[in-house]
Each structure stands twice: as structure tokens, then as C-alpha cells.
Amino acid sequence: MCRNIRTLHHFDPPVSHEEIHAAALQFVRKVSGCAKPSRANAAAFDRAVAEVSVTVEQLLATLVRSAPPRTREAEAAKARARSAKRFGPRGGPGPAAT
């Protein structure tokens, strides 16, 4: 899975159409192997992004979850903690292997 695609389900406030479109764009870029399609492939690329966006919106509308919604701030804090554990508190290289 592409690292730039983030979890979109069960946030408060709910994800925006722009966030869904950005995730769909990243997915189609990853699957197609190109960041920017040629003119010949632009229509197919844009159609795929639009279809994936619609499908994701439908999926998110139908998923059920019993846990309390996540917040973006809490998820960002978790990501910073994972990064600090992996790379050290200042973002530099972690402990040297011996």
C-alpha cells in the first residue's frame, strides 16, 4: 500500500471530498505507475480517479463502527510518536547499529 494513503474512516469531523479525491489520486498513481499521465491517457486516468473517489465515498458511508471517532490531532500525535521511536526525538538517524 502506498504510504501516502491515509485511513479515512471514522473521523470527527468526517473526511472531506478533497481528502477522498487526494487518496484516490494517490491510489491511481500507484496502480498506474505514473504520477502524471500522458495526454493520450489523461481521460482514462481522470475517469479512474473519479470512479475510485465515488466508490470510496460509498464505502465510507456504509461502514459501521462502534468505537468513538478518531481525531486528526490524536492520529498526528500517534504518527509523531512512531516517528520519534523510529528516528529519534529530533527526526535524525536512530541509534547506530553495532
PDB file of N, CA and C in Angstrom:
ATOM      1  N   MET A   1       0.843  -1.179   0.000  1.00  0.00           N
ATOM      2  CA  MET A   1       0.000   0.000   0.000  1.00  0.00           C
ATOM      3  C   MET A   1       0.886   1.239   0.000  1.00  0.00           C
ATOM      4  N   CYS A   2       0.449   2.241  -0.663  1.00  0.00           N
ATOM      5  CA  CYS A   2       1.179   3.494  -0.735  1.00  0.00           C
ATOM      6  C   CYS A   2       1.195   4.157   0.643  1.00  0.00           C
ATOM      7  N   ARG A   3       2.345   4.628   1.066  1.00  0.00           N
ATOM      8  CA  ARG A   3       2.452   5.229   2.398  1.00  0.00           C
ATOM      9  C   ARG A   3       1.654   6.519   2.523  1.00  0.00           C
ATOM     10  N   ASN A   4       1.436   7.218   1.409  1.00  0.00           N
ATOM     11  CA  ASN A   4       0.736   8.497   1.461  1.00  0.00           C
ATOM     12  C   ASN A   4      -0.768   8.357   1.572  1.00  0.00           C
ATOM     13  N   ILE A   5      -1.290   7.175   1.399  1.00  0.00           N
ATOM     14  CA  ILE A   5      -2.727   6.978   1.530  1.00  0.00           C
ATOM     15  C   ILE A   5      -3.028   6.762   3.010  1.00  0.00           C
ATOM     16  N   ARG A   6      -3.859   7.619   3.550  1.00  0.00           N
ATOM     17  CA  ARG A   6      -4.174   7.579   4.977  1.00  0.00           C
ATOM     18  C   ARG A   6      -5.548   6.972   5.210  1.00  0.00           C
ATOM     19  N   THR A   7      -5.750   6.492   6.436  1.00  0.00           N
ATOM     20  CA  THR A   7      -7.061   5.987   6.830  1.00  0.00           C
ATOM     21  C   THR A   7      -8.052   7.145   6.793  1.00  0.00           C
ATOM     22  N   LEU A   8      -9.195   6.909   6.192  1.00  0.00           N
ATOM     23  CA  LEU A   8     -10.197   7.957   6.052  1.00  0.00           C
ATOM     24  C   LEU A   8     -11.455   7.670   6.861  1.00  0.00           C
ATOM     25  N   HIS A   9     -11.588   6.460   7.354  1.00  0.00           N
ATOM     26  CA  HIS A   9     -12.819   6.047   8.020  1.00  0.00           C
ATOM     27  C   HIS A   9     -12.868   6.486   9.474  1.00  0.00           C
ATOM     28  N   HIS A  10     -14.024   6.960   9.886  1.00  0.00           N
ATOM     29  CA  HIS A  10     -14.380   7.184  11.288  1.00  0.00           C
ATOM     30  C   HIS A  10     -13.611   8.338  11.930  1.00  0.00           C
ATOM     31  N   PHE A  11     -13.643   9.489  11.278  1.00  0.00           N
ATOM     32  CA  PHE A  11     -13.036  10.685  11.838  1.00  0.00           C
ATOM     33  C   PHE A  11     -14.109  11.683  12.218  1.00  0.00           C
ATOM     34  N   ASP A  12     -13.798  12.504  13.197  1.00  0.00           N
ATOM     35  CA  ASP A  12     -14.670  13.596  13.595  1.00  0.00           C
ATOM     36  C   ASP A  12     -13.857  14.880  13.512  1.00  0.00           C
ATOM     37  N   PRO A  13     -14.134  15.799  12.624  1.00  0.00           N
ATOM     38  CA  PRO A  13     -15.207  15.796  11.636  1.00  0.00           C
ATOM     39  C   PRO A  13     -14.901  14.815  10.512  1.00  0.00           C
ATOM     40  N   PRO A  14     -15.935  14.388   9.787  1.00  0.00           N
ATOM     41  CA  PRO A  14     -15.728  13.425   8.706  1.00  0.00           C
ATOM     42  C   PRO A  14     -14.772  13.975   7.636  1.00  0.00           C
ATOM     43  N   VAL A  15     -14.150  13.079   6.902  1.00  0.00           N
ATOM     44  CA  VAL A  15     -13.225  13.490   5.854  1.00  0.00           C
ATOM     45  C   VAL A  15     -13.964  14.271   4.777  1.00  0.00           C
ATOM     46  N   SER A  16     -13.231  15.127   4.101  1.00  0.00           N
ATOM     47  CA  SER A  16     -13.820  15.961   3.054  1.00  0.00           C
ATOM     48  C   SER A  16     -13.703  15.265   1.696  1.00  0.00           C
ATOM     49  N   HIS A  17     -14.424  15.799   0.734  1.00  0.00           N
ATOM     50  CA  HIS A  17     -14.331  15.278  -0.628  1.00  0.00           C
ATOM     51  C   HIS A  17     -12.910  15.449  -1.172  1.00  0.00           C
ATOM     52  N   GLU A  18     -12.247  16.523  -0.763  1.00  0.00           N
ATOM     53  CA  GLU A  18     -10.872  16.768  -1.216  1.00  0.00           C
ATOM     54  C   GLU A  18      -9.916  15.701  -0.682  1.00  0.00           C
ATOM     55  N   GLU A  19     -10.108  15.294   0.576  1.00  0.00           N
ATOM     56  CA  GLU A  19      -9.254  14.243   1.144  1.00  0.00           C
ATOM     57  C   GLU A  19      -9.492  12.911   0.438  1.00  0.00           C
ATOM     58  N   ILE A  20     -10.733  12.626   0.129  1.00  0.00           N
ATOM     59  CA  ILE A  20     -11.059  11.389  -0.586  1.00  0.00           C
ATOM     60  C   ILE A  20     -10.459  11.438  -1.982  1.00  0.00           C
ATOM     61  N   HIS A  21     -10.580  12.562  -2.659  1.00  0.00           N
ATOM     62  CA  HIS A  21     -10.024  12.702  -4.012  1.00  0.00           C
ATOM     63  C   HIS A  21      -8.501  12.547  -3.983  1.00  0.00           C
ATOM     64  N   ALA A  22      -7.837  13.144  -2.986  1.00  0.00           N
ATOM     65  CA  ALA A  22      -6.380  13.028  -2.873  1.00  0.00           C
ATOM     66  C   ALA A  22      -5.951  11.575  -2.680  1.00  0.00           C
ATOM     67  N   ALA A  23      -6.686  10.823  -1.853  1.00  0.00           N
ATOM     68  CA  ALA A  23      -6.365   9.408  -1.641  1.00  0.00           C
ATOM     69  C   ALA A  23      -6.603   8.608  -2.924  1.00  0.00           C
ATOM     70  N   ALA A  24      -7.696   8.923  -3.636  1.00  0.00           N
ATOM     71  CA  ALA A  24      -7.991   8.235  -4.900  1.00  0.00           C
ATOM     72  C   ALA A  24      -6.897   8.527  -5.926  1.00  0.00           C
ATOM     73  N   LEU A  25      -6.451   9.764  -5.977  1.00  0.00           N
ATOM     74  CA  LEU A  25      -5.384  10.143  -6.904  1.00  0.00           C
ATOM     75  C   LEU A  25      -4.103   9.378  -6.592  1.00  0.00           C
ATOM     76  N   GLN A  26      -3.738   9.297  -5.305  1.00  0.00           N
ATOM     77  CA  GLN A  26      -2.539   8.543  -4.919  1.00  0.00           C
ATOM     78  C   GLN A  26      -2.668   7.072  -5.294  1.00  0.00           C
ATOM     79  N   PHE A  27      -3.850   6.505  -5.088  1.00  0.00           N
ATOM     80  CA  PHE A  27      -4.078   5.103  -5.421  1.00  0.00           C
ATOM     81  C   PHE A  27      -3.926   4.869  -6.920  1.00  0.00           C
ATOM     82  N   VAL A  28      -4.544   5.714  -7.726  1.00  0.00           N
ATOM     83  CA  VAL A  28      -4.472   5.544  -9.183  1.00  0.00           C
ATOM     84  C   VAL A  28      -3.046   5.775  -9.672  1.00  0.00           C
ATOM     85  N   ARG A  29      -2.340   6.722  -9.084  1.00  0.00           N
ATOM     86  CA  ARG A  29      -0.926   6.929  -9.443  1.00  0.00           C
ATOM     87  C   ARG A  29      -0.110   5.678  -9.150  1.00  0.00           C
ATOM     88  N   LYS A  30      -0.348   5.094  -7.991  1.00  0.00           N
ATOM     89  CA  LYS A  30       0.400   3.903  -7.603  1.00  0.00           C
ATOM     90  C   LYS A  30       0.096   2.728  -8.533  1.00  0.00           C
ATOM     91  N   VAL A  31      -1.188   2.510  -8.809  1.00  0.00           N
ATOM     92  CA  VAL A  31      -1.594   1.383  -9.641  1.00  0.00           C
ATOM     93  C   VAL A  31      -1.113   1.559 -11.081  1.00  0.00           C
ATOM     94  N   SER A  32      -1.202   2.792 -11.603  1.00  0.00           N
ATOM     95  CA  SER A  32      -0.827   3.031 -12.997  1.00  0.00           C
ATOM     96  C   SER A  32       0.682   3.142 -13.183  1.00  0.00           C
ATOM     97  N   GLY A  33       1.393   3.481 -12.126  1.00  0.00           N
ATOM     98  CA  GLY A  33       2.843   3.608 -12.225  1.00  0.00           C
ATOM     99  C   GLY A  33       3.286   4.952 -12.760  1.00  0.00           C
ATOM    100  N   CYS A  34       2.379   5.924 -12.832  1.00  0.00           N
ATOM    101  CA  CYS A  34       2.789   7.242 -13.310  1.00  0.00           C
ATOM    102  C   CYS A  34       2.138   8.322 -12.461  1.00  0.00           C
ATOM    103  N   ALA A  35       2.919   9.357 -12.204  1.00  0.00           N
ATOM    104  CA  ALA A  35       2.420  10.466 -11.409  1.00  0.00           C
ATOM    105  C   ALA A  35       1.560  11.406 -12.247  1.00  0.00           C
ATOM    106  N   LYS A  36       1.917  11.543 -13.515  1.00  0.00           N
ATOM    107  CA  LYS A  36       1.148  12.394 -14.415  1.00  0.00           C
ATOM    108  C   LYS A  36       1.002  11.654 -15.734  1.00  0.00           C
ATOM    109  N   PRO A  37      -0.219  11.351 -16.122  1.00  0.00           N
ATOM    110  CA  PRO A  37      -0.406  10.580 -17.363  1.00  0.00           C
ATOM    111  C   PRO A  37      -0.134  11.419 -18.602  1.00  0.00           C
ATOM    112  N   SER A  38       0.149  10.737 -19.690  1.00  0.00           N
ATOM    113  CA  SER A  38       0.304  11.424 -20.972  1.00  0.00           C
ATOM    114  C   SER A  38      -1.057  11.941 -21.418  1.00  0.00           C
ATOM    115  N   ARG A  39      -1.061  12.803 -22.432  1.00  0.00           N
ATOM    116  CA  ARG A  39      -2.339  13.321 -22.945  1.00  0.00           C
ATOM    117  C   ARG A  39      -3.233  12.190 -23.424  1.00  0.00           C
ATOM    118  N   ALA A  40      -2.619  11.176 -24.012  1.00  0.00           N
ATOM    119  CA  ALA A  40      -3.398  10.041 -24.529  1.00  0.00           C
ATOM    120  C   ALA A  40      -4.097   9.278 -23.409  1.00  0.00           C
ATOM    121  N   ASN A  41      -3.511   9.275 -22.224  1.00  0.00           N
ATOM    122  CA  ASN A  41      -4.072   8.520 -21.098  1.00  0.00           C
ATOM    123  C   ASN A  41      -4.772   9.393 -20.066  1.00  0.00           C
ATOM    124  N   ALA A  42      -4.790  10.705 -20.259  1.00  0.00           N
ATOM    125  CA  ALA A  42      -5.332  11.618 -19.249  1.00  0.00           C
ATOM    126  C   ALA A  42      -6.810  11.357 -18.968  1.00  0.00           C
ATOM    127  N   ALA A  43      -7.597  11.118 -19.991  1.00  0.00           N
ATOM    128  CA  ALA A  43      -9.040  10.903 -19.787  1.00  0.00           C
ATOM    129  C   ALA A  43      -9.290   9.636 -18.978  1.00  0.00           C
ATOM    130  N   ALA A  44      -8.588   8.565 -19.314  1.00  0.00           N
ATOM    131  CA  ALA A  44      -8.749   7.304 -18.581  1.00  0.00           C
ATOM    132  C   ALA A  44      -8.274   7.467 -17.137  1.00  0.00           C
ATOM    133  N   PHE A  45      -7.180   8.182 -16.942  1.00  0.00           N
ATOM    134  CA  PHE A  45      -6.627   8.417 -15.612  1.00  0.00           C
ATOM    135  C   PHE A  45      -7.623   9.213 -14.767  1.00  0.00           C
ATOM    136  N   ASP A  46      -8.139  10.316 -15.326  1.00  0.00           N
ATOM    137  CA  ASP A  46      -9.094  11.155 -14.593  1.00  0.00           C
ATOM    138  C   ASP A  46     -10.385  10.404 -14.292  1.00  0.00           C
ATOM    139  N   ARG A  47     -10.836   9.588 -15.231  1.00  0.00           N
ATOM    140  CA  ARG A  47     -12.042   8.798 -15.009  1.00  0.00           C
ATOM    141  C   ARG A  47     -11.826   7.800 -13.873  1.00  0.00           C
ATOM    142  N   ALA A  48     -10.645   7.177 -13.842  1.00  0.00           N
ATOM    143  CA  ALA A  48     -10.340   6.216 -12.778  1.00  0.00           C
ATOM    144  C   ALA A  48     -10.322   6.906 -11.416  1.00  0.00           C
ATOM    145  N   VAL A  49      -9.728   8.091 -11.338  1.00  0.00           N
ATOM    146  CA  VAL A  49      -9.694   8.837 -10.076  1.00  0.00           C
ATOM    147  C   VAL A  49     -11.117   9.163  -9.623  1.00  0.00           C
ATOM    148  N   ALA A  50     -11.950   9.605 -10.550  1.00  0.00           N
ATOM    149  CA  ALA A  50     -13.339   9.942 -10.215  1.00  0.00           C
ATOM    150  C   ALA A  50     -14.112   8.714  -9.742  1.00  0.00           C
ATOM    151  N   GLU A  51     -13.926   7.588 -10.418  1.00  0.00           N
ATOM    152  CA  GLU A  51     -14.641   6.365 -10.035  1.00  0.00           C
ATOM    153  C   GLU A  51     -14.181   5.839  -8.684  1.00  0.00           C
ATOM    154  N   VAL A  52     -12.881   5.901  -8.434  1.00  0.00           N
ATOM    155  CA  VAL A  52     -12.364   5.457  -7.136  1.00  0.00           C
ATOM    156  C   VAL A  52     -12.893   6.382  -6.037  1.00  0.00           C
ATOM    157  N   SER A  53     -12.937   7.675  -6.297  1.00  0.00           N
ATOM    158  CA  SER A  53     -13.461   8.627  -5.310  1.00  0.00           C
ATOM    159  C   SER A  53     -14.907   8.307  -4.953  1.00  0.00           C
ATOM    160  N   VAL A  54     -15.732   8.056  -5.966  1.00  0.00           N
ATOM    161  CA  VAL A  54     -17.145   7.735  -5.718  1.00  0.00           C
ATOM    162  C   VAL A  54     -17.265   6.443  -4.921  1.00  0.00           C
ATOM    163  N   THR A  55     -16.486   5.447  -5.294  1.00  0.00           N
ATOM    164  CA  THR A  55     -16.533   4.156  -4.601  1.00  0.00           C
ATOM    165  C   THR A  55     -16.108   4.301  -3.143  1.00  0.00           C
ATOM    166  N   VAL A  56     -15.067   5.085  -2.889  1.00  0.00           N
ATOM    167  CA  VAL A  56     -14.603   5.297  -1.513  1.00  0.00           C
ATOM    168  C   VAL A  56     -15.666   6.040  -0.705  1.00  0.00           C
ATOM    169  N   GLU A  57     -16.295   7.050  -1.299  1.00  0.00           N
ATOM    170  CA  GLU A  57     -17.353   7.775  -0.586  1.00  0.00           C
ATOM    171  C   GLU A  57     -18.502   6.837  -0.227  1.00  0.00           C
ATOM    172  N   GLN A  58     -18.875   5.962  -1.158  1.00  0.00           N
ATOM    173  CA  GLN A  58     -19.937   4.994  -0.877  1.00  0.00           C
ATOM    174  C   GLN A  58     -19.521   4.033   0.233  1.00  0.00           C
ATOM    175  N   LEU A  59     -18.291   3.571   0.170  1.00  0.00           N
ATOM    176  CA  LEU A  59     -17.788   2.664   1.201  1.00  0.00           C
ATOM    177  C   LEU A  59     -17.820   3.328   2.571  1.00  0.00           C
ATOM    178  N   LEU A  60     -17.281   4.538   2.665  1.00  0.00           N
ATOM    179  CA  LEU A  60     -17.238   5.231   3.957  1.00  0.00           C
ATOM    180  C   LEU A  60     -18.635   5.511   4.500  1.00  0.00           C
ATOM    181  N   ALA A  61     -19.599   5.727   3.604  1.00  0.00           N
ATOM    182  CA  ALA A  61     -20.972   5.997   4.036  1.00  0.00           C
ATOM    183  C   ALA A  61     -21.647   4.758   4.604  1.00  0.00           C
ATOM    184  N   THR A  62     -21.185   3.570   4.224  1.00  0.00           N
ATOM    185  CA  THR A  62     -21.850   2.349   4.663  1.00  0.00           C
ATOM    186  C   THR A  62     -21.129   1.610   5.783  1.00  0.00           C
ATOM    187  N   LEU A  63     -19.869   1.941   6.053  1.00  0.00           N
ATOM    188  CA  LEU A  63     -19.141   1.263   7.124  1.00  0.00           C
ATOM    189  C   LEU A  63     -19.709   1.642   8.488  1.00  0.00           C
ATOM    190  N   VAL A  64     -19.719   0.668   9.401  1.00  0.00           N
ATOM    191  CA  VAL A  64     -20.233   0.867  10.751  1.00  0.00           C
ATOM    192  C   VAL A  64     -19.085   0.640  11.728  1.00  0.00           C
ATOM    193  N   ARG A  65     -19.042   1.453  12.770  1.00  0.00           N
ATOM    194  CA  ARG A  65     -18.004   1.299  13.781  1.00  0.00           C
ATOM    195  C   ARG A  65     -18.590   1.650  15.132  1.00  0.00           C
ATOM    196  N   SER A  66     -18.261   0.875  16.143  1.00  0.00           N
ATOM    197  CA  SER A  66     -18.818   1.123  17.470  1.00  0.00           C
ATOM    198  C   SER A  66     -17.887   1.959  18.350  1.00  0.00           C
ATOM    199  N   ALA A  67     -16.619   2.056  17.993  1.00  0.00           N
ATOM    200  CA  ALA A  67     -15.673   2.841  18.789  1.00  0.00           C
ATOM    201  C   ALA A  67     -15.911   4.329  18.572  1.00  0.00           C
ATOM    202  N   PRO A  68     -15.445   5.162  19.501  1.00  0.00           N
ATOM    203  CA  PRO A  68     -15.607   6.602  19.306  1.00  0.00           C
ATOM    204  C   PRO A  68     -14.784   7.071  18.102  1.00  0.00           C
ATOM    205  N   PRO A  69     -15.216   8.129  17.431  1.00  0.00           N
ATOM    206  CA  PRO A  69     -14.482   8.619  16.257  1.00  0.00           C
ATOM    207  C   PRO A  69     -13.081   9.071  16.614  1.00  0.00           C
ATOM    208  N   ARG A  70     -12.184   8.957  15.645  1.00  0.00           N
ATOM    209  CA  ARG A  70     -10.809   9.418  15.808  1.00  0.00           C
ATOM    210  C   ARG A  70     -10.763  10.922  15.537  1.00  0.00           C
ATOM    211  N   THR A  71      -9.730  11.559  16.073  1.00  0.00           N
ATOM    212  CA  THR A  71      -9.492  12.966  15.754  1.00  0.00           C
ATOM    213  C   THR A  71      -8.177  13.069  14.997  1.00  0.00           C
ATOM    214  N   ARG A  72      -8.086  14.048  14.154  1.00  0.00           N
ATOM    215  CA  ARG A  72      -6.856  14.232  13.377  1.00  0.00           C
ATOM    216  C   ARG A  72      -5.667  14.559  14.284  1.00  0.00           C
ATOM    217  N   GLU A  73      -5.929  15.295  15.348  1.00  0.00           N
ATOM    218  CA  GLU A  73      -4.861  15.664  16.275  1.00  0.00           C
ATOM    219  C   GLU A  73      -4.284  14.424  16.973  1.00  0.00           C
ATOM    220  N   ALA A  74      -5.156  13.534  17.409  1.00  0.00           N
ATOM    221  CA  ALA A  74      -4.698  12.313  18.083  1.00  0.00           C
ATOM    222  C   ALA A  74      -3.928  11.422  17.114  1.00  0.00           C
ATOM    223  N   GLU A  75      -4.406  11.313  15.881  1.00  0.00           N
ATOM    224  CA  GLU A  75      -3.701  10.497  14.886  1.00  0.00           C
ATOM    225  C   GLU A  75      -2.349  11.100  14.549  1.00  0.00           C
ATOM    226  N   ALA A  76      -2.254  12.434  14.475  1.00  0.00           N
ATOM    227  CA  ALA A  76      -0.972  13.101  14.214  1.00  0.00           C
ATOM    228  C   ALA A  76      -0.007  12.873  15.366  1.00  0.00           C
ATOM    229  N   ALA A  77      -0.504  12.913  16.596  1.00  0.00           N
ATOM    230  CA  ALA A  77       0.348  12.659  17.764  1.00  0.00           C
ATOM    231  C   ALA A  77       0.888  11.228  17.744  1.00  0.00           C
ATOM    232  N   LYS A  78       0.036  10.271  17.369  1.00  0.00           N
ATOM    233  CA  LYS A  78       0.496   8.877  17.257  1.00  0.00           C
ATOM    234  C   LYS A  78       1.581   8.747  16.189  1.00  0.00           C
ATOM    235  N   ALA A  79       1.397   9.435  15.067  1.00  0.00           N
ATOM    236  CA  ALA A  79       2.386   9.382  13.984  1.00  0.00           C
ATOM    237  C   ALA A  79       3.712   9.990  14.433  1.00  0.00           C
ATOM    238  N   ARG A  80       3.652  11.108  15.178  1.00  0.00           N
ATOM    239  CA  ARG A  80       4.881  11.713  15.690  1.00  0.00           C
ATOM    240  C   ARG A  80       5.586  10.779  16.665  1.00  0.00           C
ATOM    241  N   ALA A  81       4.822  10.096  17.510  1.00  0.00           N
ATOM    242  CA  ALA A  81       5.412   9.156  18.470  1.00  0.00           C
ATOM    243  C   ALA A  81       6.088   7.996  17.739  1.00  0.00           C
ATOM    244  N   ARG A  82       5.424   7.470  16.696  1.00  0.00           N
ATOM    245  CA  ARG A  82       6.039   6.391  15.909  1.00  0.00           C
ATOM    246  C   ARG A  82       7.321   6.872  15.238  1.00  0.00           C
ATOM    247  N   SER A  83       7.298   8.084  14.725  1.00  0.00           N
ATOM    248  CA  SER A  83       8.470   8.647  14.065  1.00  0.00           C
ATOM    249  C   SER A  83       9.610   8.849  15.056  1.00  0.00           C
ATOM    250  N   ALA A  84       9.286   9.370  16.236  1.00  0.00           N
ATOM    251  CA  ALA A  84      10.319   9.585  17.252  1.00  0.00           C
ATOM    252  C   ALA A  84      10.935   8.264  17.689  1.00  0.00           C
ATOM    253  N   LYS A  85      10.107   7.233  17.806  1.00  0.00           N
ATOM    254  CA  LYS A  85      10.624   5.915  18.189  1.00  0.00           C
ATOM    255  C   LYS A  85      11.533   5.352  17.104  1.00  0.00           C
ATOM    256  N   ARG A  86      11.147   5.585  15.858  1.00  0.00           N
ATOM    257  CA  ARG A  86      11.911   5.031  14.744  1.00  0.00           C
ATOM    258  C   ARG A  86      13.168   5.833  14.438  1.00  0.00           C
ATOM    259  N   PHE A  87      13.070   7.165  14.454  1.00  0.00           N
ATOM    260  CA  PHE A  87      14.176   8.009  14.012  1.00  0.00           C
ATOM    261  C   PHE A  87      14.836   8.805  15.127  1.00  0.00           C
ATOM    262  N   GLY A  88      14.315   8.758  16.322  1.00  0.00           N
ATOM    263  CA  GLY A  88      14.857   9.550  17.412  1.00  0.00           C
ATOM    264  C   GLY A  88      13.998  10.788  17.606  1.00  0.00           C
ATOM    265  N   PRO A  89      14.139  11.444  18.743  1.00  0.00           N
ATOM    266  CA  PRO A  89      13.242  12.556  19.073  1.00  0.00           C
ATOM    267  C   PRO A  89      13.391  13.775  18.154  1.00  0.00           C
ATOM    268  N   ARG A  90      14.515  13.945  17.495  1.00  0.00           N
ATOM    269  CA  ARG A  90      14.702  15.122  16.642  1.00  0.00           C
ATOM    270  C   ARG A  90      14.570  14.808  15.167  1.00  0.00           C
ATOM    271  N   GLY A  91      14.148  13.600  14.831  1.00  0.00           N
ATOM    272  CA  GLY A  91      13.972  13.251  13.437  1.00  0.00           C
ATOM    273  C   GLY A  91      15.241  12.800  12.740  1.00  0.00           C
ATOM    274  N   GLY A  92      16.347  12.772  13.474  1.00  0.00           N
ATOM    275  CA  GLY A  92      17.615  12.343  12.892  1.00  0.00           C
ATOM    276  C   GLY A  92      17.713  10.833  12.887  1.00  0.00           C
ATOM    277  N   PRO A  93      18.859  10.336  12.485  1.00  0.00           N
ATOM    278  CA  PRO A  93      19.019   8.876  12.483  1.00  0.00           C
ATOM    279  C   PRO A  93      18.926   8.305  13.888  1.00  0.00           C
ATOM    280  N   GLY A  94      18.411   7.118  13.956  1.00  0.00           N
ATOM    281  CA  GLY A  94      18.266   6.427  15.233  1.00  0.00           C
ATOM    282  C   GLY A  94      19.600   5.948  15.739  1.00  0.00           C
ATOM    283  N   PRO A  95      19.594   5.139  16.781  1.00  0.00           N
ATOM    284  CA  PRO A  95      20.850   4.633  17.338  1.00  0.00           C
ATOM    285  C   PRO A  95      21.607   3.820  16.288  1.00  0.00           C
ATOM    286  N   ALA A  96      22.912   3.994  16.291  1.00  0.00           N
ATOM    287  CA  ALA A  96      23.749   3.283  15.336  1.00  0.00           C
ATOM    288  C   ALA A  96      23.802   1.810  15.683  1.00  0.00           C
ATOM    289  N   ALA A  97      23.752   0.978  14.643  1.00  0.00           N
ATOM    290  CA  ALA A  97      23.849  -0.475  14.851  1.00  0.00           C
ATOM    291  C   ALA A  97      25.277  -0.836  15.185  1.00  0.00           C
ATOM    292  N   THR A  98      25.466  -1.743  16.116  1.00  0.00           N
ATOM    293  CA  THR A  98      26.828  -2.140  16.484  1.00  0.00           C
ATOM    294  C   THR A  98      27.167  -3.485  15.957  1.00  0.00           C
TER     295      THR A  98
END
